[in-house]
PDB file of N, CA and C in Angstrom:
ATOM      1  N   MET A   1      43.052 121.882 130.247  1.00  0.00           N
ATOM      2  CA  MET A   1      44.067 121.803 129.563  1.00  0.00           C
ATOM      3  C   MET A   1      45.147 121.250 130.066  1.00  0.00           C
ATOM      4  N   SER A   2      45.589 119.940 130.272  1.00  0.00           N
ATOM      5  CA  SER A   2      46.110 118.843 130.968  1.00  0.00           C
ATOM      6  C   SER A   2      47.989 118.422 129.976  1.00  0.00           C
ATOM      7  N   LEU A   3      48.731 118.427 130.793  1.00  0.00           N
ATOM      8  CA  LEU A   3      49.803 118.388 131.131  1.00  0.00           C
ATOM      9  C   LEU A   3      50.458 116.591 130.871  1.00  0.00           C
ATOM     10  N   VAL A   4      51.378 116.070 129.842  1.00  0.00           N
ATOM     11  CA  VAL A   4      51.627 114.884 129.537  1.00  0.00           C
ATOM     12  C   VAL A   4      52.506 114.692 130.635  1.00  0.00           C
ATOM     13  N   LYS A   5      51.965 113.024 131.173  1.00  0.00           N
ATOM     14  CA  LYS A   5      52.816 112.873 132.198  1.00  0.00           C
ATOM     15  C   LYS A   5      54.647 112.312 131.559  1.00  0.00           C
ATOM     16  N   PRO A   6      55.227 112.552 132.802  1.00  0.00           N
ATOM     17  CA  PRO A   6      56.520 112.161 132.224  1.00  0.00           C
ATOM     18  C   PRO A   6      56.970 110.843 131.967  1.00  0.00           C
ATOM     19  N   ALA A   7      57.327 110.120 131.213  1.00  0.00           N
ATOM     20  CA  ALA A   7      57.670 108.760 130.946  1.00  0.00           C
ATOM     21  C   ALA A   7      58.977 108.253 132.198  1.00  0.00           C
ATOM     22  N   MET A   8      58.797 108.032 133.217  1.00  0.00           N
ATOM     23  CA  MET A   8      59.725 107.324 134.180  1.00  0.00           C
ATOM     24  C   MET A   8      59.984 106.029 134.551  1.00  0.00           C
ATOM     25  N   ARG A   9      59.057 104.851 133.689  1.00  0.00           N
ATOM     26  CA  ARG A   9      58.955 103.472 133.962  1.00  0.00           C
ATOM     27  C   ARG A   9      60.402 103.822 132.249  1.00  0.00           C
ATOM     28  N   GLY A  10      61.142 102.897 133.187  1.00  0.00           N
ATOM     29  CA  GLY A  10      62.489 102.387 132.279  1.00  0.00           C
ATOM     30  C   GLY A  10      63.348 103.466 131.688  1.00  0.00           C
ATOM     31  N   LEU A  11      63.267 104.608 132.240  1.00  0.00           N
ATOM     32  CA  LEU A  11      64.004 105.900 132.130  1.00  0.00           C
ATOM     33  C   LEU A  11      65.756 105.527 132.150  1.00  0.00           C
ATOM     34  N   LEU A  12      66.030 105.153 133.518  1.00  0.00           N
ATOM     35  CA  LEU A  12      67.165 104.589 133.475  1.00  0.00           C
ATOM     36  C   LEU A  12      67.859 104.095 132.497  1.00  0.00           C
ATOM     37  N   GLY A  13      67.055 102.857 132.106  1.00  0.00           N
ATOM     38  CA  GLY A  13      68.138 101.954 130.724  1.00  0.00           C
ATOM     39  C   GLY A  13      67.562 102.420 129.825  1.00  0.00           C
ATOM     40  N   LYS A  14      66.914 103.011 129.336  1.00  0.00           N
ATOM     41  CA  LYS A  14      66.740 104.307 127.916  1.00  0.00           C
ATOM     42  C   LYS A  14      68.132 105.258 128.436  1.00  0.00           C
ATOM     43  N   ARG A  15      68.118 105.855 129.356  1.00  0.00           N
ATOM     44  CA  ARG A  15      69.394 106.566 129.222  1.00  0.00           C
ATOM     45  C   ARG A  15      70.318 105.828 128.989  1.00  0.00           C
ATOM     46  N   LEU A  16      70.678 104.751 129.938  1.00  0.00           N
ATOM     47  CA  LEU A  16      71.892 103.864 129.836  1.00  0.00           C
ATOM     48  C   LEU A  16      72.003 103.024 128.197  1.00  0.00           C
ATOM     49  N   ARG A  17      71.251 102.781 127.423  1.00  0.00           N
ATOM     50  CA  ARG A  17      71.378 102.623 126.500  1.00  0.00           C
ATOM     51  C   ARG A  17      71.935 103.737 125.626  1.00  0.00           C
ATOM     52  N   PHE A  18      71.490 105.113 125.848  1.00  0.00           N
ATOM     53  CA  PHE A  18      72.215 106.031 125.177  1.00  0.00           C
ATOM     54  C   PHE A  18      73.573 107.045 125.620  1.00  0.00           C
ATOM     55  N   HIS A  19      73.936 106.657 126.544  1.00  0.00           N
ATOM     56  CA  HIS A  19      74.750 107.082 126.986  1.00  0.00           C
ATOM     57  C   HIS A  19      75.979 106.520 127.019  1.00  0.00           C
ATOM     58  N   LEU A  20      76.299 105.014 127.738  1.00  0.00           N
ATOM     59  CA  LEU A  20      77.033 104.587 127.953  1.00  0.00           C
ATOM     60  C   LEU A  20      78.044 103.956 126.713  1.00  0.00           C
ATOM     61  N   PRO A  21      77.414 103.853 125.886  1.00  0.00           N
ATOM     62  CA  PRO A  21      78.538 103.959 124.792  1.00  0.00           C
ATOM     63  C   PRO A  21      78.955 104.810 124.096  1.00  0.00           C
ATOM     64  N   ILE A  22      78.297 105.994 124.117  1.00  0.00           N
ATOM     65  CA  ILE A  22      79.129 107.402 124.082  1.00  0.00           C
ATOM     66  C   ILE A  22      80.287 107.756 125.412  1.00  0.00           C
ATOM     67  N   ALA A  23      79.803 107.675 126.578  1.00  0.00           N
ATOM     68  CA  ALA A  23      80.867 107.102 127.744  1.00  0.00           C
ATOM     69  C   ALA A  23      82.453 106.079 127.401  1.00  0.00           C
ATOM     70  N   PHE A  24      81.769 104.841 126.765  1.00  0.00           N
ATOM     71  CA  PHE A  24      83.063 104.183 126.554  1.00  0.00           C
ATOM     72  C   PHE A  24      83.612 104.376 125.169  1.00  0.00           C
ATOM     73  N   THR A  25      83.510 105.342 124.405  1.00  0.00           N
ATOM     74  CA  THR A  25      84.145 105.421 122.876  1.00  0.00           C
ATOM     75  C   THR A  25      84.939 106.584 123.605  1.00  0.00           C
ATOM     76  N   LEU A  26      84.214 108.140 124.359  1.00  0.00           N
ATOM     77  CA  LEU A  26      85.186 108.550 124.714  1.00  0.00           C
ATOM     78  C   LEU A  26      86.320 108.628 125.743  1.00  0.00           C
ATOM     79  N   SER A  27      85.733 107.180 126.413  1.00  0.00           N
ATOM     80  CA  SER A  27      87.282 106.957 127.275  1.00  0.00           C
ATOM     81  C   SER A  27      88.585 106.191 126.440  1.00  0.00           C
ATOM     82  N   LEU A  28      87.894 105.648 125.354  1.00  0.00           N
ATOM     83  CA  LEU A  28      89.053 105.085 124.596  1.00  0.00           C
ATOM     84  C   LEU A  28      89.353 105.688 123.940  1.00  0.00           C
ATOM     85  N   ILE A  29      89.182 106.740 123.410  1.00  0.00           N
ATOM     86  CA  ILE A  29      89.700 108.131 122.812  1.00  0.00           C
ATOM     87  C   ILE A  29      90.242 109.054 123.839  1.00  0.00           C
ATOM     88  N   ALA A  30      90.220 109.052 124.946  1.00  0.00           N
ATOM     89  CA  ALA A  30      90.801 109.775 125.637  1.00  0.00           C
ATOM     90  C   ALA A  30      92.182 109.044 126.071  1.00  0.00           C
ATOM     91  N   ALA A  31      91.913 107.610 126.564  1.00  0.00           N
ATOM     92  CA  ALA A  31      93.422 106.576 126.450  1.00  0.00           C
ATOM     93  C   ALA A  31      94.427 106.685 125.503  1.00  0.00           C
ATOM     94  N   ALA A  32      93.821 106.605 124.450  1.00  0.00           N
ATOM     95  CA  ALA A  32      94.525 106.689 123.403  1.00  0.00           C
ATOM     96  C   ALA A  32      95.536 108.056 122.835  1.00  0.00           C
ATOM     97  N   ALA A  33      94.815 108.956 123.365  1.00  0.00           N
ATOM     98  CA  ALA A  33      95.327 110.145 123.334  1.00  0.00           C
ATOM     99  C   ALA A  33      96.159 110.610 124.375  1.00  0.00           C
ATOM    100  N   PHE A  34      96.506 110.043 125.680  1.00  0.00           N
ATOM    101  CA  PHE A  34      97.351 109.865 126.971  1.00  0.00           C
ATOM    102  C   PHE A  34      98.452 108.670 126.276  1.00  0.00           C
ATOM    103  N   LYS A  35      97.917 107.707 126.130  1.00  0.00           N
ATOM    104  CA  LYS A  35      99.604 106.931 125.332  1.00  0.00           C
ATOM    105  C   LYS A  35     100.240 107.778 124.401  1.00  0.00           C
ATOM    106  N   TYR A  36      99.524 108.160 123.228  1.00  0.00           N
ATOM    107  CA  TYR A  36     100.373 108.837 122.238  1.00  0.00           C
ATOM    108  C   TYR A  36     100.836 110.074 122.287  1.00  0.00           C
ATOM    109  N   GLY A  37     100.173 110.999 123.397  1.00  0.00           N
ATOM    110  CA  GLY A  37     100.644 112.804 123.569  1.00  0.00           C
ATOM    111  C   GLY A  37     101.185 112.537 124.790  1.00  0.00           C
ATOM    112  N   VAL A  38     101.742 111.843 125.836  1.00  0.00           N
ATOM    113  CA  VAL A  38     102.227 111.488 127.062  1.00  0.00           C
ATOM    114  C   VAL A  38     103.644 110.838 126.961  1.00  0.00           C
ATOM    115  N   THR A  39     102.825 109.407 127.116  1.00  0.00           N
ATOM    116  CA  THR A  39     103.715 107.869 127.238  1.00  0.00           C
ATOM    117  C   THR A  39     104.685 107.714 126.466  1.00  0.00           C
ATOM    118  N   GLU A  40     104.233 107.989 125.452  1.00  0.00           N
ATOM    119  CA  GLU A  40     105.083 107.123 123.711  1.00  0.00           C
ATOM    120  C   GLU A  40     106.505 108.376 123.728  1.00  0.00           C
ATOM    121  N   PRO A  41     105.988 109.845 124.157  1.00  0.00           N
ATOM    122  CA  PRO A  41     107.240 110.421 123.982  1.00  0.00           C
ATOM    123  C   PRO A  41     107.930 110.934 125.290  1.00  0.00           C
ATOM    124  N   ARG A  42     107.292 110.307 125.799  1.00  0.00           N
ATOM    125  CA  ARG A  42     107.906 110.442 127.350  1.00  0.00           C
ATOM    126  C   ARG A  42     109.213 109.124 127.173  1.00  0.00           C
ATOM    127  N   LYS A  43     108.278 108.200 126.555  1.00  0.00           N
ATOM    128  CA  LYS A  43     109.507 106.815 126.434  1.00  0.00           C
ATOM    129  C   LYS A  43     110.755 107.518 125.427  1.00  0.00           C
ATOM    130  N   GLN A  44     110.176 107.508 124.138  1.00  0.00           N
ATOM    131  CA  GLN A  44     111.494 108.147 123.286  1.00  0.00           C
ATOM    132  C   GLN A  44     112.445 109.157 124.072  1.00  0.00           C
ATOM    133  N   ALA A  45     111.980 110.131 124.709  1.00  0.00           N
ATOM    134  CA  ALA A  45     112.569 110.809 125.623  1.00  0.00           C
ATOM    135  C   ALA A  45     114.130 110.396 126.282  1.00  0.00           C
ATOM    136  N   TYR A  46     113.476 109.546 127.147  1.00  0.00           N
ATOM    137  CA  TYR A  46     114.323 108.224 128.262  1.00  0.00           C
ATOM    138  C   TYR A  46     115.357 107.250 126.931  1.00  0.00           C
ATOM    139  N   ALA A  47     114.756 106.991 125.509  1.00  0.00           N
ATOM    140  CA  ALA A  47     115.623 105.884 125.264  1.00  0.00           C
ATOM    141  C   ALA A  47     116.305 107.049 124.581  1.00  0.00           C
ATOM    142  N   ASP A  48     116.381 108.613 124.238  1.00  0.00           N
ATOM    143  CA  ASP A  48     117.154 109.127 123.428  1.00  0.00           C
ATOM    144  C   ASP A  48     118.092 109.416 124.604  1.00  0.00           C
ATOM    145  N   PHE A  49     118.177 109.532 126.331  1.00  0.00           N
ATOM    146  CA  PHE A  49     119.245 109.879 126.455  1.00  0.00           C
ATOM    147  C   PHE A  49     119.644 108.838 127.198  1.00  0.00           C
ATOM    148  N   TYR A  50     119.198 107.523 127.568  1.00  0.00           N
ATOM    149  CA  TYR A  50     120.257 106.983 127.745  1.00  0.00           C
ATOM    150  C   TYR A  50     121.141 106.174 126.281  1.00  0.00           C
ATOM    151  N   LYS A  51     120.936 106.493 125.224  1.00  0.00           N
ATOM    152  CA  LYS A  51     121.259 106.323 124.060  1.00  0.00           C
ATOM    153  C   LYS A  51     123.289 106.744 124.433  1.00  0.00           C
ATOM    154  N   GLN A  52     123.306 107.900 124.911  1.00  0.00           N
ATOM    155  CA  GLN A  52     124.423 108.432 124.861  1.00  0.00           C
ATOM    156  C   GLN A  52     124.613 108.585 126.535  1.00  0.00           C
ATOM    157  N   TYR A  53     124.190 108.323 127.646  1.00  0.00           N
ATOM    158  CA  TYR A  53     124.490 107.948 128.877  1.00  0.00           C
ATOM    159  C   TYR A  53     125.353 107.416 129.326  1.00  0.00           C
ATOM    160  N   ASP A  54     126.532 108.146 129.916  1.00  0.00           N
ATOM    161  CA  ASP A  54     127.761 107.008 130.275  1.00  0.00           C
ATOM    162  C   ASP A  54     128.025 107.535 131.934  1.00  0.00           C
ATOM    163  N   ALA A  55     127.171 106.092 132.327  1.00  0.00           N
ATOM    164  CA  ALA A  55     127.276 106.017 133.453  1.00  0.00           C
ATOM    165  C   ALA A  55     128.480 106.642 134.749  1.00  0.00           C
ATOM    166  N   THR A  56     129.859 105.680 133.942  1.00  0.00           N
ATOM    167  CA  THR A  56     131.175 105.755 134.562  1.00  0.00           C
ATOM    168  C   THR A  56     131.405 107.095 134.387  1.00  0.00           C
ATOM    169  N   ASN A  57     130.978 108.187 133.043  1.00  0.00           N
ATOM    170  CA  ASN A  57     131.228 109.289 133.405  1.00  0.00           C
ATOM    171  C   ASN A  57     130.973 109.902 134.284  1.00  0.00           C
ATOM    172  N   GLU A  58     129.909 109.744 134.256  1.00  0.00           N
ATOM    173  CA  GLU A  58     129.195 110.768 135.335  1.00  0.00           C
ATOM    174  C   GLU A  58     129.615 110.598 136.755  1.00  0.00           C
ATOM    175  N   PHE A  59     129.710 108.970 137.068  1.00  0.00           N
ATOM    176  CA  PHE A  59     130.240 108.843 138.151  1.00  0.00           C
ATOM    177  C   PHE A  59     131.491 109.858 138.653  1.00  0.00           C
ATOM    178  N   ASN A  60     132.407 109.491 137.669  1.00  0.00           N
ATOM    179  CA  ASN A  60     134.015 110.248 137.581  1.00  0.00           C
ATOM    180  C   ASN A  60     133.773 111.731 137.831  1.00  0.00           C
ATOM    181  N   ALA A  61     132.783 112.468 137.348  1.00  0.00           N
ATOM    182  CA  ALA A  61     132.306 113.806 137.564  1.00  0.00           C
ATOM    183  C   ALA A  61     132.173 113.820 138.497  1.00  0.00           C
ATOM    184  N   MET A  62     131.116 113.367 139.634  1.00  0.00           N
ATOM    185  CA  MET A  62     130.783 113.284 140.949  1.00  0.00           C
ATOM    186  C   MET A  62     131.624 113.481 141.891  1.00  0.00           C
ATOM    187  N   ARG A  63     132.635 112.368 141.490  1.00  0.00           N
ATOM    188  CA  ARG A  63     133.654 111.777 142.577  1.00  0.00           C
ATOM    189  C   ARG A  63     134.912 112.993 142.425  1.00  0.00           C
ATOM    190  N   GLU A  64     135.102 113.598 141.536  1.00  0.00           N
ATOM    191  CA  GLU A  64     135.725 114.780 141.174  1.00  0.00           C
ATOM    192  C   GLU A  64     135.472 115.974 142.036  1.00  0.00           C
ATOM    193  N   ALA A  65     134.024 115.994 141.821  1.00  0.00           N
ATOM    194  CA  ALA A  65     133.713 117.607 142.290  1.00  0.00           C
ATOM    195  C   ALA A  65     133.032 117.124 144.157  1.00  0.00           C
ATOM    196  N   GLY A  66     133.227 116.055 144.220  1.00  0.00           N
ATOM    197  CA  GLY A  66     133.339 116.088 145.776  1.00  0.00           C
ATOM    198  C   GLY A  66     132.161 115.859 146.734  1.00  0.00           C
ATOM    199  N   ILE A  67     130.993 115.190 145.672  1.00  0.00           N
ATOM    200  CA  ILE A  67     129.802 114.813 146.101  1.00  0.00           C
ATOM    201  C   ILE A  67     130.263 113.420 147.178  1.00  0.00           C
ATOM    202  N   PHE A  68     130.155 112.819 146.827  1.00  0.00           N
ATOM    203  CA  PHE A  68     130.827 111.166 147.566  1.00  0.00           C
ATOM    204  C   PHE A  68     131.492 111.314 148.626  1.00  0.00           C
ATOM    205  N   GLU A  69     131.004 110.993 150.359  1.00  0.00           N
ATOM    206  CA  GLU A  69     131.831 110.868 151.322  1.00  0.00           C
ATOM    207  C   GLU A  69     132.480 109.793 151.382  1.00  0.00           C
ATOM    208  N   SER A  70     132.539 108.663 150.534  1.00  0.00           N
ATOM    209  CA  SER A  70     132.787 107.512 150.596  1.00  0.00           C
ATOM    210  C   SER A  70     133.757 107.318 149.643  1.00  0.00           C
ATOM    211  N   VAL A  71     134.026 108.222 149.023  1.00  0.00           N
ATOM    212  CA  VAL A  71     134.926 107.853 147.737  1.00  0.00           C
ATOM    213  C   VAL A  71     135.634 109.653 147.495  1.00  0.00           C
ATOM    214  N   ARG A  72     137.120 109.127 147.685  1.00  0.00           N
ATOM    215  CA  ARG A  72     137.766 110.668 147.591  1.00  0.00           C
ATOM    216  C   ARG A  72     137.979 110.937 146.296  1.00  0.00           C
ATOM    217  N   PRO A  73     138.235 112.139 145.977  1.00  0.00           N
ATOM    218  CA  PRO A  73     138.434 112.540 144.887  1.00  0.00           C
ATOM    219  C   PRO A  73     140.061 111.816 144.238  1.00  0.00           C
ATOM    220  N   SER A  74     140.093 111.670 143.115  1.00  0.00           N
ATOM    221  CA  SER A  74     141.318 111.558 142.555  1.00  0.00           C
ATOM    222  C   SER A  74     142.385 112.309 142.856  1.00  0.00           C
ATOM    223  N   GLY A  75     142.827 113.896 143.166  1.00  0.00           N
ATOM    224  CA  GLY A  75     143.603 114.714 143.757  1.00  0.00           C
ATOM    225  C   GLY A  75     143.940 114.550 144.869  1.00  0.00           C
ATOM    226  N   GLU A  76     142.967 113.671 145.581  1.00  0.00           N
ATOM    227  CA  GLU A  76     143.722 113.343 147.129  1.00  0.00           C
ATOM    228  C   GLU A  76     143.885 111.871 147.189  1.00  0.00           C
TER     229      GLU A  76
END
């Protein structure tokens, strides 16, 4: 009883033809999931924050709290 020899010639090419499209498809799915699952909600959160953000009011609040060394609070 003899064993069948393994097919070694062309093995890399055959495996690449099978695995490369799968890897490419999975990478596209992962990129789309990251874009719509992470970056789009993050961009929307930043947009919502800056719609109602007032830099002047924040500056005045920090100035009154005494955070800045170069700007005195209005009470002094």
